[in-house]
Amino acid sequence: MNKAHIYRFIIISLIILPWMFAYFLSGCENSTSEITPEEMGYRFYPLEQGIYRDYKVQRIQYSVLGDQDTLDYFLKEQVADSFINQAGGISYKLKRYTRTSDTLMWKLDSVWTVTKSTTNVVVVENNVPFVKLIFPVMEKKQWDGNAFNIMSEELYTYEYAFQPIVIGEESYNSILKVIQQDNPDKIVMTDIRNEIYAENIGLIYKESIILHYCTDNECLGDMIIERGIDYRQQLIEYGKE
């Protein structure tokens, strides 16, 4: 390449490369700024003092003795006062009440805490933190639900987002489904856990099915439950007090 061509190449590069770089940065900024709070998915977990959600719950416990104990009850989760957490952010107390009949008074069962940031929602359940959601919400996106506790990594996945669904007699326009575990094996152990959230409401459905089967030679594959739990939680009322 002669000197004239070299000089021409240098001049063109000096003109074009800065323009391309500026265009690239502009594209990145636009792609970020165009994500609205609605698209981020913040509405799937509203967090404000006074918000409450009532659920009907069925819990079936299987013991090693072959016993099956079924408990039906009601659960109420209410967002209580906020406080400054150790990281300097704002957390909320989540008071959880139970009762076995809708004619009885609510009885305080436990107090969890919830922290919602621009990147995630962390719920501390009985002193164990779990990363329930991450933002922005996107289908097939994965994260470690145990990132802030000492348990082994467990990948949560958004199965679908911003989709309509019908649960029982209730229909929702925009929901988010989180798969926490999906192991339907019926030989050794079934482990199916998921949660469904609706925009402007929060958690509307939860199930946790963890069953261990008999693996002796005479019962392997017969789906004889030795121990485990079958837990279903469905929203029946929500609002703000």
Foldseek 3Di string as FASTA:
>chain_A
DDPVVVVVVVVVCVPPVVVVVVVVVVVVVCVVVVCDPVQFPPQLADADAFWKFKKWKWKWWAALVRDIDIAIWMKMWGWHDWDQDPVRAIKTKIWMWIDRDPVDDTDTDDIWMWDDDSFFIWIQDPNQIFTPGGTRDDFQDWDFRRPPDDDDGFIKGWNDWQPWDDDDNDIARTKIKIWRDADCDQFAWGWGWIWMTGGNRHTFKIWTWIFGADNDPVCGPVSRTSTTMTMIIGTDDIDGD
